[in-house]
Amino acid sequence: MVLTGAAGGIGRALARAFAGQGVRLVVTDRDTATLDRLVGELADAQDVTPIPADLSRDTDLQAFAAAVQASHGQVDVLVNNAGTEYPTPLADAAPDAAARWSALMHNNVDTMVQLTRALLPLMPQGASVINQSSIWGLTGVADFSAYVASKHAVIGLTRSLAWELAPRSIRVNAVCPGWIRTDAALRSLTSMAVAQGRSEAEVEREILSRQANPTMLDAADIAGVFLFLASRDARSLTGQAISASHGEVMN
């Protein structure tokens, strides 16, 4: 199994969950120091292989795919978890605004396509691809147009690849987390509070009030969704975008 973005909040929770199932796990992230700490946390796991890489760079991505082939030879499950999140307001007049918009789209969508393509020859019949989207891939929010567009694109990609890879019995699904208490989400919450001239606590209360269960999720809360989609118990599911958001989005 391959897990990208393994050093982030959700990535760490997924790495722990899958390692706990005894899978042969390849973890990657561009943050080498944090990736090393994760591997230390998983020291008791049976088989965890760290391969640091910045998948937004084509040379790193191809080298990573080659390393996976050399070390494992087969990928039964690919979790495309790596991604970037930051505000891109339309009125941003900074010289690098367009470049930041494009960089986010590239990191969140293009690299997902390229890695799936690179690892496809290693996937057997019945493999599972799980793409990380977001409830913002099902809705919209001000000032985060690049992130929202990228997560909508991930869902469209998921549905298209579900059809394309069906002849090989490879399932492709997406998970759409809601508000998870991670560093990335909390930075976005801070950005929203600043843009609205409100306190972070007030913005958080408003966000949570839109959930059927009005509490902030932890990353471990959604790990079971990924475990299920990776398993044969989910063999009837492909092309799905599953919202894990305490009911903020019901689809």
C-alpha atoms as a PDB file:
ATOM      1  CA  MET A   1       0.000   0.000   0.000  1.00  0.00           C
ATOM      2  CA  VAL A   2       1.140   3.568  -0.788  1.00  0.00           C
ATOM      3  CA  LEU A   3       0.144   6.602   1.299  1.00  0.00           C
ATOM      4  CA  THR A   4       1.098  10.120   0.213  1.00  0.00           C
ATOM      5  CA  GLY A   5       1.147  13.183   2.449  1.00  0.00           C
ATOM      6  CA  ALA A   6       1.855  10.844   5.339  1.00  0.00           C
ATOM      7  CA  ALA A   7       3.457  13.462   7.590  1.00  0.00           C
ATOM      8  CA  GLY A   8       0.364  15.701   7.796  1.00  0.00           C
ATOM      9  CA  GLY A   9      -2.409  15.436  10.362  1.00  0.00           C
ATOM     10  CA  ILE A  10      -4.720  13.171   8.380  1.00  0.00           C
ATOM     11  CA  GLY A  11      -1.780  11.333   6.827  1.00  0.00           C
ATOM     12  CA  ARG A  12      -0.338  10.423  10.230  1.00  0.00           C
ATOM     13  CA  ALA A  13      -3.701   9.098  11.399  1.00  0.00           C
ATOM     14  CA  LEU A  14      -4.056   7.012   8.235  1.00  0.00           C
ATOM     15  CA  ALA A  15      -0.514   5.659   8.552  1.00  0.00           C
ATOM     16  CA  ARG A  16      -1.208   4.549  12.129  1.00  0.00           C
ATOM     17  CA  ALA A  17      -4.537   2.974  11.155  1.00  0.00           C
ATOM     18  CA  PHE A  18      -3.178   0.998   8.198  1.00  0.00           C
ATOM     19  CA  ALA A  19      -0.001  -0.009  10.036  1.00  0.00           C
ATOM     20  CA  GLY A  20      -2.239  -1.317  12.792  1.00  0.00           C
ATOM     21  CA  GLN A  21      -3.798  -3.669  10.231  1.00  0.00           C
ATOM     22  CA  GLY A  22      -0.394  -5.146   9.443  1.00  0.00           C
ATOM     23  CA  VAL A  23      -0.225  -3.964   5.833  1.00  0.00           C
ATOM     24  CA  ARG A  24       3.045  -3.452   3.949  1.00  0.00           C
ATOM     25  CA  LEU A  25       3.048   0.320   3.924  1.00  0.00           C
ATOM     26  CA  VAL A  26       4.998   2.830   1.820  1.00  0.00           C
ATOM     27  CA  VAL A  27       4.748   6.354   3.244  1.00  0.00           C
ATOM     28  CA  THR A  28       5.916   9.502   1.523  1.00  0.00           C
ATOM     29  CA  ASP A  29       6.014  13.222   2.232  1.00  0.00           C
ATOM     30  CA  ARG A  30       8.196  16.157   1.276  1.00  0.00           C
ATOM     31  CA  ASP A  31       8.749  16.965   4.977  1.00  0.00           C
ATOM     32  CA  THR A  32      11.573  14.522   5.629  1.00  0.00           C
ATOM     33  CA  ALA A  33      12.011  15.301   9.328  1.00  0.00           C
ATOM     34  CA  THR A  34       8.321  14.799  10.121  1.00  0.00           C
ATOM     35  CA  LEU A  35       8.253  11.649   8.001  1.00  0.00           C
ATOM     36  CA  ASP A  36      11.159  10.270  10.035  1.00  0.00           C
ATOM     37  CA  ARG A  37       9.279  11.002  13.273  1.00  0.00           C
ATOM     38  CA  LEU A  38       6.234   9.161  11.900  1.00  0.00           C
ATOM     39  CA  VAL A  39       8.334   6.108  11.105  1.00  0.00           C
ATOM     40  CA  GLY A  40       9.681   6.237  14.662  1.00  0.00           C
ATOM     41  CA  GLU A  41       6.100   6.208  15.965  1.00  0.00           C
ATOM     42  CA  LEU A  42       5.416   3.143  13.815  1.00  0.00           C
ATOM     43  CA  ALA A  43       8.524   1.291  14.924  1.00  0.00           C
ATOM     44  CA  ASP A  44       6.478  -1.693  16.086  1.00  0.00           C
ATOM     45  CA  ALA A  45       4.669  -2.012  12.747  1.00  0.00           C
ATOM     46  CA  GLN A  46       5.527  -5.010  10.592  1.00  0.00           C
ATOM     47  CA  ASP A  47       6.625  -3.322   7.367  1.00  0.00           C
ATOM     48  CA  VAL A  48       6.795   0.457   6.873  1.00  0.00           C
ATOM     49  CA  THR A  49       8.988   1.916   4.126  1.00  0.00           C
ATOM     50  CA  PRO A  50       9.554   5.712   4.097  1.00  0.00           C
ATOM     51  CA  ILE A  51      10.435   7.281   0.750  1.00  0.00           C
ATOM     52  CA  PRO A  52      10.720  11.093   1.031  1.00  0.00           C
ATOM     53  CA  ALA A  53       9.611  12.923  -2.118  1.00  0.00           C
ATOM     54  CA  ASP A  54       8.134  16.198  -3.281  1.00  0.00           C
ATOM     55  CA  LEU A  55       5.524  14.799  -5.641  1.00  0.00           C
ATOM     56  CA  SER A  56       4.899  18.220  -7.177  1.00  0.00           C
ATOM     57  CA  ARG A  57       8.278  17.789  -8.887  1.00  0.00           C
ATOM     58  CA  ASP A  58       8.165  15.399 -11.828  1.00  0.00           C
ATOM     59  CA  THR A  59      11.669  14.065 -11.171  1.00  0.00           C
ATOM     60  CA  ASP A  60      10.787  13.249  -7.546  1.00  0.00           C
ATOM     61  CA  LEU A  61       7.512  11.643  -8.582  1.00  0.00           C
ATOM     62  CA  GLN A  62       9.118   9.372 -11.158  1.00  0.00           C
ATOM     63  CA  ALA A  63      11.930   8.461  -8.769  1.00  0.00           C
ATOM     64  CA  PHE A  64       9.354   7.652  -6.092  1.00  0.00           C
ATOM     65  CA  ALA A  65       7.392   5.377  -8.443  1.00  0.00           C
ATOM     66  CA  ALA A  66      10.598   3.584  -9.407  1.00  0.00           C
ATOM     67  CA  ALA A  67      11.509   3.128  -5.740  1.00  0.00           C
ATOM     68  CA  VAL A  68       8.071   1.652  -4.982  1.00  0.00           C
ATOM     69  CA  GLN A  69       8.447  -0.788  -7.857  1.00  0.00           C
ATOM     70  CA  ALA A  70      11.907  -1.801  -6.677  1.00  0.00           C
ATOM     71  CA  SER A  71      10.932  -2.264  -3.028  1.00  0.00           C
ATOM     72  CA  HIS A  72       7.423  -3.705  -3.336  1.00  0.00           C
ATOM     73  CA  GLY A  73       6.625  -4.501  -6.966  1.00  0.00           C
ATOM     74  CA  GLN A  74       2.874  -4.264  -6.431  1.00  0.00           C
ATOM     75  CA  VAL A  75       0.433  -1.629  -5.143  1.00  0.00           C
ATOM     76  CA  ASP A  76      -2.866  -3.028  -3.913  1.00  0.00           C
ATOM     77  CA  VAL A  77      -4.014   0.266  -2.375  1.00  0.00           C
ATOM     78  CA  LEU A  78      -3.052   3.825  -3.292  1.00  0.00           C
ATOM     79  CA  VAL A  79      -4.185   6.622  -1.002  1.00  0.00           C
ATOM     80  CA  ASN A  80      -3.656   9.986  -2.714  1.00  0.00           C
ATOM     81  CA  ASN A  81      -3.721  12.062   0.460  1.00  0.00           C
ATOM     82  CA  ALA A  82      -1.086  14.727  -0.264  1.00  0.00           C
ATOM     83  CA  GLY A  83      -2.404  18.235  -0.806  1.00  0.00           C
ATOM     84  CA  THR A  84      -2.039  21.921  -0.099  1.00  0.00           C
ATOM     85  CA  GLU A  85      -4.534  24.353   1.415  1.00  0.00           C
ATOM     86  CA  TYR A  86      -4.316  28.146   1.542  1.00  0.00           C
ATOM     87  CA  PRO A  87      -6.557  31.103   0.637  1.00  0.00           C
ATOM     88  CA  THR A  88      -6.539  32.532  -2.896  1.00  0.00           C
ATOM     89  CA  PRO A  89      -8.949  35.501  -2.818  1.00  0.00           C
ATOM     90  CA  LEU A  90      -9.943  36.795  -6.236  1.00  0.00           C
ATOM     91  CA  ALA A  91      -9.021  40.372  -5.251  1.00  0.00           C
ATOM     92  CA  ASP A  92      -5.468  39.378  -4.321  1.00  0.00           C
ATOM     93  CA  ALA A  93      -3.229  41.803  -6.225  1.00  0.00           C
ATOM     94  CA  ALA A  94       0.080  40.276  -5.149  1.00  0.00           C
ATOM     95  CA  PRO A  95       2.499  39.646  -8.050  1.00  0.00           C
ATOM     96  CA  ASP A  96       2.561  35.924  -7.287  1.00  0.00           C
ATOM     97  CA  ALA A  97      -1.220  35.478  -6.877  1.00  0.00           C
ATOM     98  CA  ALA A  98      -1.699  33.691 -10.208  1.00  0.00           C
ATOM     99  CA  ALA A  99       1.339  31.502  -9.604  1.00  0.00           C
ATOM    100  CA  ARG A 100       0.067  30.501  -6.149  1.00  0.00           C
ATOM    101  CA  TRP A 101      -3.333  29.599  -7.656  1.00  0.00           C
ATOM    102  CA  SER A 102      -1.716  27.435 -10.316  1.00  0.00           C
ATOM    103  CA  ALA A 103       0.701  25.832  -7.850  1.00  0.00           C
ATOM    104  CA  LEU A 104      -2.157  24.716  -5.593  1.00  0.00           C
ATOM    105  CA  MET A 105      -4.069  23.216  -8.509  1.00  0.00           C
ATOM    106  CA  HIS A 106      -0.928  21.436  -9.694  1.00  0.00           C
ATOM    107  CA  ASN A 107      -0.151  20.053  -6.251  1.00  0.00           C
ATOM    108  CA  ASN A 108      -3.706  18.913  -5.496  1.00  0.00           C
ATOM    109  CA  VAL A 109      -4.786  17.592  -8.897  1.00  0.00           C
ATOM    110  CA  ASP A 110      -1.973  17.190 -11.420  1.00  0.00           C
ATOM    111  CA  THR A 111       0.315  15.245  -9.091  1.00  0.00           C
ATOM    112  CA  MET A 112      -2.576  12.942  -8.152  1.00  0.00           C
ATOM    113  CA  VAL A 113      -3.106  12.105 -11.818  1.00  0.00           C
ATOM    114  CA  GLN A 114       0.582  11.685 -12.500  1.00  0.00           C
ATOM    115  CA  LEU A 115       1.225   9.425  -9.511  1.00  0.00           C
ATOM    116  CA  THR A 116      -1.795   7.242 -10.247  1.00  0.00           C
ATOM    117  CA  ARG A 117      -0.595   6.920 -13.846  1.00  0.00           C
ATOM    118  CA  ALA A 118       2.949   6.071 -12.731  1.00  0.00           C
ATOM    119  CA  LEU A 119       1.816   3.394 -10.267  1.00  0.00           C
ATOM    120  CA  LEU A 120      -0.950   1.920 -12.427  1.00  0.00           C
ATOM    121  CA  PRO A 121       1.320  -0.757 -13.958  1.00  0.00           C
ATOM    122  CA  LEU A 122       1.904  -2.050 -10.408  1.00  0.00           C
ATOM    123  CA  MET A 123      -1.803  -2.373  -9.557  1.00  0.00           C
ATOM    124  CA  PRO A 124      -3.363  -5.842  -9.812  1.00  0.00           C
ATOM    125  CA  GLN A 125      -6.981  -6.707 -10.494  1.00  0.00           C
ATOM    126  CA  GLY A 126      -9.096  -5.570  -7.564  1.00  0.00           C
ATOM    127  CA  ALA A 127      -6.797  -2.777  -6.415  1.00  0.00           C
ATOM    128  CA  SER A 128      -8.231   0.291  -4.690  1.00  0.00           C
ATOM    129  CA  VAL A 129      -7.421   3.964  -5.290  1.00  0.00           C
ATOM    130  CA  ILE A 130      -8.642   6.418  -2.642  1.00  0.00           C
ATOM    131  CA  ASN A 131      -8.403  10.126  -3.403  1.00  0.00           C
ATOM    132  CA  GLN A 132      -8.515  12.797  -0.734  1.00  0.00           C
ATOM    133  CA  SER A 133     -11.083  15.477  -1.563  1.00  0.00           C
ATOM    134  CA  SER A 134     -13.019  17.696   0.884  1.00  0.00           C
ATOM    135  CA  ILE A 135     -16.559  18.793   1.645  1.00  0.00           C
ATOM    136  CA  TRP A 136     -15.418  21.969  -0.117  1.00  0.00           C
ATOM    137  CA  GLY A 137     -15.291  19.763  -3.206  1.00  0.00           C
ATOM    138  CA  LEU A 138     -19.054  19.429  -2.809  1.00  0.00           C
ATOM    139  CA  THR A 139     -19.839  23.027  -1.822  1.00  0.00           C
ATOM    140  CA  GLY A 140     -18.022  26.360  -2.011  1.00  0.00           C
ATOM    141  CA  VAL A 141     -16.494  28.985   0.273  1.00  0.00           C
ATOM    142  CA  ALA A 142     -15.242  32.519  -0.235  1.00  0.00           C
ATOM    143  CA  ASP A 143     -11.538  33.284  -0.702  1.00  0.00           C
ATOM    144  CA  PHE A 144     -10.433  29.657  -1.276  1.00  0.00           C
ATOM    145  CA  SER A 145     -11.248  29.343  -4.975  1.00  0.00           C
ATOM    146  CA  ALA A 146      -8.143  27.362  -5.950  1.00  0.00           C
ATOM    147  CA  TYR A 147      -8.541  24.856  -3.120  1.00  0.00           C
ATOM    148  CA  VAL A 148     -12.284  24.477  -3.738  1.00  0.00           C
ATOM    149  CA  ALA A 149     -11.762  24.092  -7.488  1.00  0.00           C
ATOM    150  CA  SER A 150      -9.037  21.508  -6.904  1.00  0.00           C
ATOM    151  CA  LYS A 151     -11.249  19.426  -4.631  1.00  0.00           C
ATOM    152  CA  HIS A 152     -14.139  19.553  -7.117  1.00  0.00           C
ATOM    153  CA  ALA A 153     -11.622  18.399  -9.727  1.00  0.00           C
ATOM    154  CA  VAL A 154     -10.566  15.479  -7.528  1.00  0.00           C
ATOM    155  CA  ILE A 155     -14.168  14.248  -7.401  1.00  0.00           C
ATOM    156  CA  GLY A 156     -14.511  14.550 -11.176  1.00  0.00           C
ATOM    157  CA  LEU A 157     -11.214  12.727 -11.630  1.00  0.00           C
ATOM    158  CA  THR A 158     -12.371  10.000  -9.254  1.00  0.00           C
ATOM    159  CA  ARG A 159     -15.587   9.412 -11.173  1.00  0.00           C
ATOM    160  CA  SER A 160     -13.846   9.359 -14.539  1.00  0.00           C
ATOM    161  CA  LEU A 161     -11.121   6.961 -13.414  1.00  0.00           C
ATOM    162  CA  ALA A 162     -13.737   4.697 -11.822  1.00  0.00           C
ATOM    163  CA  TRP A 163     -15.115   4.103 -15.319  1.00  0.00           C
ATOM    164  CA  GLU A 164     -11.706   3.973 -16.987  1.00  0.00           C
ATOM    165  CA  LEU A 165     -10.212   1.427 -14.594  1.00  0.00           C
ATOM    166  CA  ALA A 166     -13.345  -0.681 -14.148  1.00  0.00           C
ATOM    167  CA  PRO A 167     -12.268  -3.197 -16.834  1.00  0.00           C
ATOM    168  CA  ARG A 168      -9.330  -4.029 -14.553  1.00  0.00           C
ATOM    169  CA  SER A 169     -11.623  -4.219 -11.487  1.00  0.00           C
ATOM    170  CA  ILE A 170      -9.740  -1.315  -9.916  1.00  0.00           C
ATOM    171  CA  ARG A 171     -12.026   0.727  -7.691  1.00  0.00           C
ATOM    172  CA  VAL A 172     -11.572   4.498  -7.391  1.00  0.00           C
ATOM    173  CA  ASN A 173     -13.296   6.466  -4.638  1.00  0.00           C
ATOM    174  CA  ALA A 174     -12.908   9.801  -2.891  1.00  0.00           C
ATOM    175  CA  VAL A 175     -13.230  10.801   0.755  1.00  0.00           C
ATOM    176  CA  CYS A 176     -14.509  14.291   1.545  1.00  0.00           C
ATOM    177  CA  PRO A 177     -13.545  15.204   5.119  1.00  0.00           C
ATOM    178  CA  GLY A 178     -15.242  18.051   6.911  1.00  0.00           C
ATOM    179  CA  TRP A 179     -13.541  20.171   9.525  1.00  0.00           C
ATOM    180  CA  ILE A 180     -10.709  18.092  10.993  1.00  0.00           C
ATOM    181  CA  ARG A 181      -8.572  19.527  13.784  1.00  0.00           C
ATOM    182  CA  THR A 182      -5.320  19.644  11.818  1.00  0.00           C
ATOM    183  CA  ASP A 183      -2.758  22.418  11.432  1.00  0.00           C
ATOM    184  CA  ALA A 184      -3.891  23.068   7.849  1.00  0.00           C
ATOM    185  CA  ALA A 185      -7.570  23.370   8.781  1.00  0.00           C
ATOM    186  CA  LEU A 186      -6.825  25.625  11.732  1.00  0.00           C
ATOM    187  CA  ARG A 187      -4.734  27.901   9.522  1.00  0.00           C
ATOM    188  CA  SER A 188      -7.706  28.165   7.163  1.00  0.00           C
ATOM    189  CA  LEU A 189      -9.985  28.942  10.081  1.00  0.00           C
ATOM    190  CA  THR A 190      -7.616  31.734  11.138  1.00  0.00           C
ATOM    191  CA  SER A 191      -7.564  33.123   7.589  1.00  0.00           C
ATOM    192  CA  MET A 192     -11.355  33.129   7.480  1.00  0.00           C
ATOM    193  CA  ALA A 193     -11.573  34.916  10.832  1.00  0.00           C
ATOM    194  CA  VAL A 194      -9.118  37.597   9.723  1.00  0.00           C
ATOM    195  CA  ALA A 195     -10.912  38.114   6.401  1.00  0.00           C
ATOM    196  CA  GLN A 196     -14.262  38.462   8.189  1.00  0.00           C
ATOM    197  CA  GLY A 197     -12.961  40.625  11.037  1.00  0.00           C
ATOM    198  CA  ARG A 198     -14.195  38.107  13.620  1.00  0.00           C
ATOM    199  CA  SER A 199     -12.642  35.974  16.316  1.00  0.00           C
ATOM    200  CA  GLU A 200     -11.534  32.423  15.548  1.00  0.00           C
ATOM    201  CA  ALA A 201     -13.817  31.111  18.276  1.00  0.00           C
ATOM    202  CA  GLU A 202     -16.826  32.819  16.701  1.00  0.00           C
ATOM    203  CA  VAL A 203     -16.048  31.455  13.247  1.00  0.00           C
ATOM    204  CA  GLU A 204     -15.515  27.965  14.656  1.00  0.00           C
ATOM    205  CA  ARG A 205     -18.843  28.057  16.487  1.00  0.00           C
ATOM    206  CA  GLU A 206     -20.608  29.062  13.270  1.00  0.00           C
ATOM    207  CA  ILE A 207     -18.887  26.275  11.311  1.00  0.00           C
ATOM    208  CA  LEU A 208     -19.762  23.621  13.874  1.00  0.00           C
ATOM    209  CA  SER A 209     -23.362  24.809  14.084  1.00  0.00           C
ATOM    210  CA  ARG A 210     -23.822  23.577  10.497  1.00  0.00           C
ATOM    211  CA  GLN A 211     -22.999  20.008  11.537  1.00  0.00           C
ATOM    212  CA  ALA A 212     -25.534  17.493  12.784  1.00  0.00           C
ATOM    213  CA  ASN A 213     -22.945  16.616  15.443  1.00  0.00           C
ATOM    214  CA  PRO A 214     -21.485  20.051  16.309  1.00  0.00           C
ATOM    215  CA  THR A 215     -17.987  19.028  17.354  1.00  0.00           C
ATOM    216  CA  MET A 216     -14.667  19.264  15.533  1.00  0.00           C
ATOM    217  CA  LEU A 217     -13.483  15.945  14.131  1.00  0.00           C
ATOM    218  CA  ASP A 218     -10.043  14.522  14.851  1.00  0.00           C
ATOM    219  CA  ALA A 219      -8.027  12.931  12.050  1.00  0.00           C
ATOM    220  CA  ALA A 220      -8.399   9.475  13.604  1.00  0.00           C
ATOM    221  CA  ASP A 221     -12.188   9.814  13.369  1.00  0.00           C
ATOM    222  CA  ILE A 222     -12.157   9.352   9.605  1.00  0.00           C
ATOM    223  CA  ALA A 223      -9.455   6.690   9.311  1.00  0.00           C
ATOM    224  CA  GLY A 224     -12.074   3.934   9.328  1.00  0.00           C
ATOM    225  CA  VAL A 225     -13.591   5.296   6.121  1.00  0.00           C
ATOM    226  CA  PHE A 226     -10.267   4.750   4.343  1.00  0.00           C
ATOM    227  CA  LEU A 227      -9.793   1.313   5.885  1.00  0.00           C
ATOM    228  CA  PHE A 228     -13.234   0.305   4.631  1.00  0.00           C
ATOM    229  CA  LEU A 229     -12.696   1.634   1.098  1.00  0.00           C
ATOM    230  CA  ALA A 230      -9.378  -0.197   0.917  1.00  0.00           C
ATOM    231  CA  SER A 231     -10.949  -3.491   1.921  1.00  0.00           C
ATOM    232  CA  ARG A 232     -12.805  -6.108  -0.084  1.00  0.00           C
ATOM    233  CA  ASP A 233     -15.868  -5.277   2.000  1.00  0.00           C
ATOM    234  CA  ALA A 234     -16.164  -2.133  -0.159  1.00  0.00           C
ATOM    235  CA  ARG A 235     -15.996  -4.048  -3.458  1.00  0.00           C
ATOM    236  CA  SER A 236     -19.406  -2.672  -4.505  1.00  0.00           C
ATOM    237  CA  LEU A 237     -18.218   0.938  -4.232  1.00  0.00           C
ATOM    238  CA  THR A 238     -16.505   2.847  -6.997  1.00  0.00           C
ATOM    239  CA  GLY A 239     -16.823   6.416  -8.233  1.00  0.00           C
ATOM    240  CA  GLN A 240     -18.150   7.543  -4.858  1.00  0.00           C
ATOM    241  CA  ALA A 241     -17.411  10.773  -2.975  1.00  0.00           C
ATOM    242  CA  ILE A 242     -18.038   9.941   0.663  1.00  0.00           C
ATOM    243  CA  SER A 243     -18.594  12.863   3.001  1.00  0.00           C
ATOM    244  CA  ALA A 244     -17.075  12.387   6.464  1.00  0.00           C
ATOM    245  CA  SER A 245     -18.195  15.637   8.044  1.00  0.00           C
ATOM    246  CA  HIS A 246     -20.455  15.005  11.056  1.00  0.00           C
ATOM    247  CA  GLY A 247     -23.353  15.675   8.725  1.00  0.00           C
ATOM    248  CA  GLU A 248     -22.317  19.129   7.494  1.00  0.00           C
ATOM    249  CA  VAL A 249     -22.740  17.801   3.969  1.00  0.00           C
ATOM    250  CA  MET A 250     -25.200  14.988   3.334  1.00  0.00           C
ATOM    251  CA  ASN A 251     -25.026  13.589  -0.204  1.00  0.00           C
END
